[in-house]
Amino acid sequence: MMTDPNKAHHVAEWATIRQTSREIAEAIFEVAKYDEKLAEAIWEQQGNNDVLELAFAKTQDDVLTWDNKTIERRNV
């Protein structure tokens, strides 16, 4: 979980605009080392396994969304 409130707010807003689960957005930014251009490129790929593994490690949920598409834990 992010500790910097400014980064956390930005990522939450970024996730909402892109219809993406916050956990996936957080994982994207972590993998991108908070480089927004790289984060956008990763998001456009829609299915990066490193991101998905990190995202599911952040939650107990079995389903997350990436660009309004359902991603199930069992498929990662």
N, C-alpha and C. Protein backbone atom coordinates (compact mmCIF):
# COMPACT_ATOMS: atom_id res chain seq x y z
N MET A 1 0.85 -1.18 0.00
CA MET A 1 0.00 0.00 0.00
C MET A 1 0.89 1.24 0.00
N MET A 2 0.49 2.24 -0.75
CA MET A 2 1.28 3.46 -0.84
C MET A 2 1.18 4.27 0.44
N THR A 3 2.27 4.93 0.78
CA THR A 3 2.27 5.74 1.99
C THR A 3 2.23 7.23 1.69
N ASP A 4 2.64 7.66 0.51
CA ASP A 4 2.60 9.07 0.15
C ASP A 4 1.18 9.43 -0.29
N PRO A 5 0.47 10.27 0.48
CA PRO A 5 -0.93 10.60 0.17
C PRO A 5 -1.11 11.23 -1.21
N ASN A 6 -0.15 12.04 -1.66
CA ASN A 6 -0.27 12.66 -2.99
C ASN A 6 -0.20 11.61 -4.10
N LYS A 7 0.75 10.69 -3.98
CA LYS A 7 0.85 9.63 -4.98
C LYS A 7 -0.38 8.73 -4.94
N ALA A 8 -0.83 8.39 -3.75
CA ALA A 8 -1.99 7.51 -3.60
C ALA A 8 -3.22 8.16 -4.23
N HIS A 9 -3.42 9.45 -3.99
CA HIS A 9 -4.57 10.15 -4.57
C HIS A 9 -4.47 10.17 -6.09
N HIS A 10 -3.29 10.48 -6.60
CA HIS A 10 -3.08 10.53 -8.05
C HIS A 10 -3.36 9.17 -8.69
N VAL A 11 -2.87 8.12 -8.10
CA VAL A 11 -3.05 6.78 -8.66
C VAL A 11 -4.52 6.37 -8.60
N ALA A 12 -5.20 6.70 -7.52
CA ALA A 12 -6.62 6.38 -7.40
C ALA A 12 -7.42 7.10 -8.48
N GLU A 13 -7.12 8.36 -8.71
CA GLU A 13 -7.80 9.13 -9.76
C GLU A 13 -7.48 8.54 -11.13
N TRP A 14 -6.22 8.22 -11.37
CA TRP A 14 -5.75 7.62 -12.62
C TRP A 14 -6.52 6.32 -12.88
N ALA A 15 -6.67 5.51 -11.85
CA ALA A 15 -7.39 4.23 -11.97
C ALA A 15 -8.85 4.46 -12.33
N THR A 16 -9.50 5.40 -11.67
CA THR A 16 -10.91 5.67 -11.91
C THR A 16 -11.15 6.12 -13.35
N ILE A 17 -10.32 7.02 -13.83
CA ILE A 17 -10.46 7.52 -15.20
C ILE A 17 -10.33 6.38 -16.20
N ARG A 18 -9.48 5.41 -15.91
CA ARG A 18 -9.20 4.30 -16.83
C ARG A 18 -10.02 3.04 -16.54
N GLN A 19 -10.99 3.16 -15.66
CA GLN A 19 -11.84 2.02 -15.29
C GLN A 19 -11.00 0.79 -14.96
N THR A 20 -10.04 1.03 -14.08
CA THR A 20 -9.07 0.00 -13.68
C THR A 20 -9.05 -0.07 -12.16
N SER A 21 -8.97 -1.28 -11.63
CA SER A 21 -8.91 -1.44 -10.18
C SER A 21 -7.70 -0.68 -9.62
N ARG A 22 -7.91 -0.13 -8.44
CA ARG A 22 -6.83 0.63 -7.80
C ARG A 22 -5.59 -0.25 -7.60
N GLU A 23 -5.79 -1.50 -7.24
CA GLU A 23 -4.65 -2.40 -7.02
C GLU A 23 -3.82 -2.57 -8.29
N ILE A 24 -4.50 -2.66 -9.43
CA ILE A 24 -3.78 -2.78 -10.70
C ILE A 24 -3.05 -1.48 -11.00
N ALA A 25 -3.70 -0.35 -10.79
CA ALA A 25 -3.06 0.94 -11.02
C ALA A 25 -1.83 1.10 -10.13
N GLU A 26 -1.95 0.75 -8.85
CA GLU A 26 -0.81 0.84 -7.94
C GLU A 26 0.33 -0.04 -8.44
N ALA A 27 0.01 -1.25 -8.87
CA ALA A 27 1.04 -2.17 -9.35
C ALA A 27 1.69 -1.64 -10.63
N ILE A 28 0.90 -1.07 -11.51
CA ILE A 28 1.45 -0.49 -12.75
C ILE A 28 2.46 0.59 -12.40
N PHE A 29 2.09 1.49 -11.49
CA PHE A 29 3.00 2.58 -11.13
C PHE A 29 4.24 2.06 -10.41
N GLU A 30 4.10 1.03 -9.61
CA GLU A 30 5.27 0.45 -8.95
C GLU A 30 6.23 -0.15 -9.97
N VAL A 31 5.68 -0.90 -10.93
CA VAL A 31 6.52 -1.51 -11.97
C VAL A 31 7.17 -0.41 -12.82
N ALA A 32 6.44 0.67 -13.07
CA ALA A 32 6.94 1.78 -13.88
C ALA A 32 7.82 2.75 -13.08
N LYS A 33 8.01 2.46 -11.80
CA LYS A 33 8.79 3.33 -10.91
C LYS A 33 8.26 4.77 -10.95
N TYR A 34 6.93 4.88 -11.00
CA TYR A 34 6.19 6.15 -10.97
C TYR A 34 6.45 7.05 -12.17
N ASP A 35 6.93 6.47 -13.27
CA ASP A 35 7.07 7.20 -14.54
C ASP A 35 5.72 7.12 -15.24
N GLU A 36 5.03 8.25 -15.36
CA GLU A 36 3.66 8.24 -15.88
C GLU A 36 3.59 7.77 -17.33
N LYS A 37 4.55 8.14 -18.16
CA LYS A 37 4.54 7.69 -19.56
C LYS A 37 4.70 6.18 -19.64
N LEU A 38 5.60 5.63 -18.85
CA LEU A 38 5.79 4.18 -18.83
C LEU A 38 4.55 3.50 -18.25
N ALA A 39 3.95 4.10 -17.22
CA ALA A 39 2.72 3.54 -16.64
C ALA A 39 1.62 3.46 -17.70
N GLU A 40 1.49 4.51 -18.47
CA GLU A 40 0.47 4.54 -19.53
C GLU A 40 0.73 3.43 -20.56
N ALA A 41 2.00 3.25 -20.92
CA ALA A 41 2.35 2.20 -21.89
C ALA A 41 2.03 0.81 -21.34
N ILE A 42 2.33 0.60 -20.06
CA ILE A 42 2.02 -0.69 -19.43
C ILE A 42 0.51 -0.90 -19.40
N TRP A 43 -0.24 0.14 -19.04
CA TRP A 43 -1.70 0.03 -18.98
C TRP A 43 -2.26 -0.34 -20.35
N GLU A 44 -1.73 0.24 -21.41
CA GLU A 44 -2.21 -0.04 -22.76
C GLU A 44 -1.98 -1.50 -23.17
N GLN A 45 -0.98 -2.16 -22.57
CA GLN A 45 -0.71 -3.57 -22.87
C GLN A 45 -1.82 -4.48 -22.37
N GLN A 46 -2.50 -4.08 -21.31
CA GLN A 46 -3.62 -4.80 -20.72
C GLN A 46 -3.36 -6.28 -20.49
N GLY A 47 -2.45 -6.58 -19.60
CA GLY A 47 -2.25 -7.97 -19.26
C GLY A 47 -0.85 -8.33 -18.80
N ASN A 48 -0.08 -7.38 -18.37
CA ASN A 48 1.28 -7.62 -17.91
C ASN A 48 1.26 -8.53 -16.67
N ASN A 49 1.86 -9.71 -16.77
CA ASN A 49 1.82 -10.69 -15.68
C ASN A 49 2.48 -10.18 -14.40
N ASP A 50 3.59 -9.43 -14.51
CA ASP A 50 4.22 -8.89 -13.31
C ASP A 50 3.26 -7.96 -12.58
N VAL A 51 2.57 -7.13 -13.32
CA VAL A 51 1.60 -6.21 -12.74
C VAL A 51 0.46 -6.98 -12.08
N LEU A 52 -0.07 -7.97 -12.78
CA LEU A 52 -1.21 -8.72 -12.24
C LEU A 52 -0.85 -9.48 -10.98
N GLU A 53 0.32 -10.10 -10.95
CA GLU A 53 0.74 -10.81 -9.74
C GLU A 53 0.88 -9.85 -8.57
N LEU A 54 1.48 -8.69 -8.80
CA LEU A 54 1.64 -7.68 -7.76
C LEU A 54 0.28 -7.15 -7.31
N ALA A 55 -0.61 -6.91 -8.25
CA ALA A 55 -1.94 -6.38 -7.93
C ALA A 55 -2.73 -7.36 -7.06
N PHE A 56 -2.74 -8.62 -7.42
CA PHE A 56 -3.48 -9.60 -6.64
C PHE A 56 -2.84 -9.84 -5.27
N ALA A 57 -1.55 -9.58 -5.15
CA ALA A 57 -0.89 -9.70 -3.84
C ALA A 57 -1.36 -8.59 -2.89
N LYS A 58 -1.93 -7.52 -3.44
CA LYS A 58 -2.40 -6.39 -2.64
C LYS A 58 -3.82 -6.56 -2.12
N THR A 59 -4.51 -7.63 -2.52
CA THR A 59 -5.92 -7.76 -2.17
C THR A 59 -6.30 -9.23 -1.99
N GLN A 60 -7.42 -9.43 -1.33
CA GLN A 60 -8.00 -10.77 -1.20
C GLN A 60 -9.04 -11.02 -2.29
N ASP A 61 -9.38 -9.98 -3.05
CA ASP A 61 -10.38 -10.11 -4.11
C ASP A 61 -9.93 -11.12 -5.16
N ASP A 62 -10.88 -11.82 -5.72
CA ASP A 62 -10.57 -12.80 -6.77
C ASP A 62 -10.76 -12.23 -8.16
N VAL A 63 -11.30 -11.00 -8.25
CA VAL A 63 -11.56 -10.37 -9.54
C VAL A 63 -11.14 -8.90 -9.45
N LEU A 64 -10.37 -8.46 -10.44
CA LEU A 64 -10.00 -7.05 -10.59
C LEU A 64 -10.35 -6.62 -12.01
N THR A 65 -10.32 -5.31 -12.27
CA THR A 65 -10.62 -4.84 -13.62
C THR A 65 -9.43 -4.07 -14.19
N TRP A 66 -9.25 -4.24 -15.49
CA TRP A 66 -8.22 -3.53 -16.24
C TRP A 66 -8.93 -2.99 -17.47
N ASP A 67 -9.08 -1.68 -17.54
CA ASP A 67 -9.80 -1.03 -18.64
C ASP A 67 -11.20 -1.62 -18.79
N ASN A 68 -11.87 -1.78 -17.67
CA ASN A 68 -13.24 -2.30 -17.60
C ASN A 68 -13.34 -3.75 -18.05
N LYS A 69 -12.22 -4.47 -18.11
CA LYS A 69 -12.22 -5.89 -18.44
C LYS A 69 -11.90 -6.68 -17.17
N THR A 70 -12.64 -7.75 -16.96
CA THR A 70 -12.49 -8.56 -15.76
C THR A 70 -11.24 -9.44 -15.85
N ILE A 71 -10.45 -9.40 -14.78
CA ILE A 71 -9.27 -10.26 -14.65
C ILE A 71 -9.49 -11.11 -13.40
N GLU A 72 -9.46 -12.42 -13.57
CA GLU A 72 -9.67 -13.32 -12.44
C GLU A 72 -8.33 -13.82 -11.91
N ARG A 73 -8.25 -13.89 -10.58
CA ARG A 73 -7.03 -14.36 -9.91
C ARG A 73 -6.59 -15.72 -10.46
N ARG A 74 -7.53 -16.61 -10.65
CA ARG A 74 -7.18 -17.98 -11.09
C ARG A 74 -6.52 -18.02 -12.46
N ASN A 75 -6.67 -16.94 -13.25
CA ASN A 75 -6.08 -16.89 -14.59
C ASN A 75 -4.71 -16.22 -14.62
N VAL A 76 -4.23 -15.84 -13.44
CA VAL A 76 -2.93 -15.14 -13.38
C VAL A 76 -1.84 -16.12 -13.01
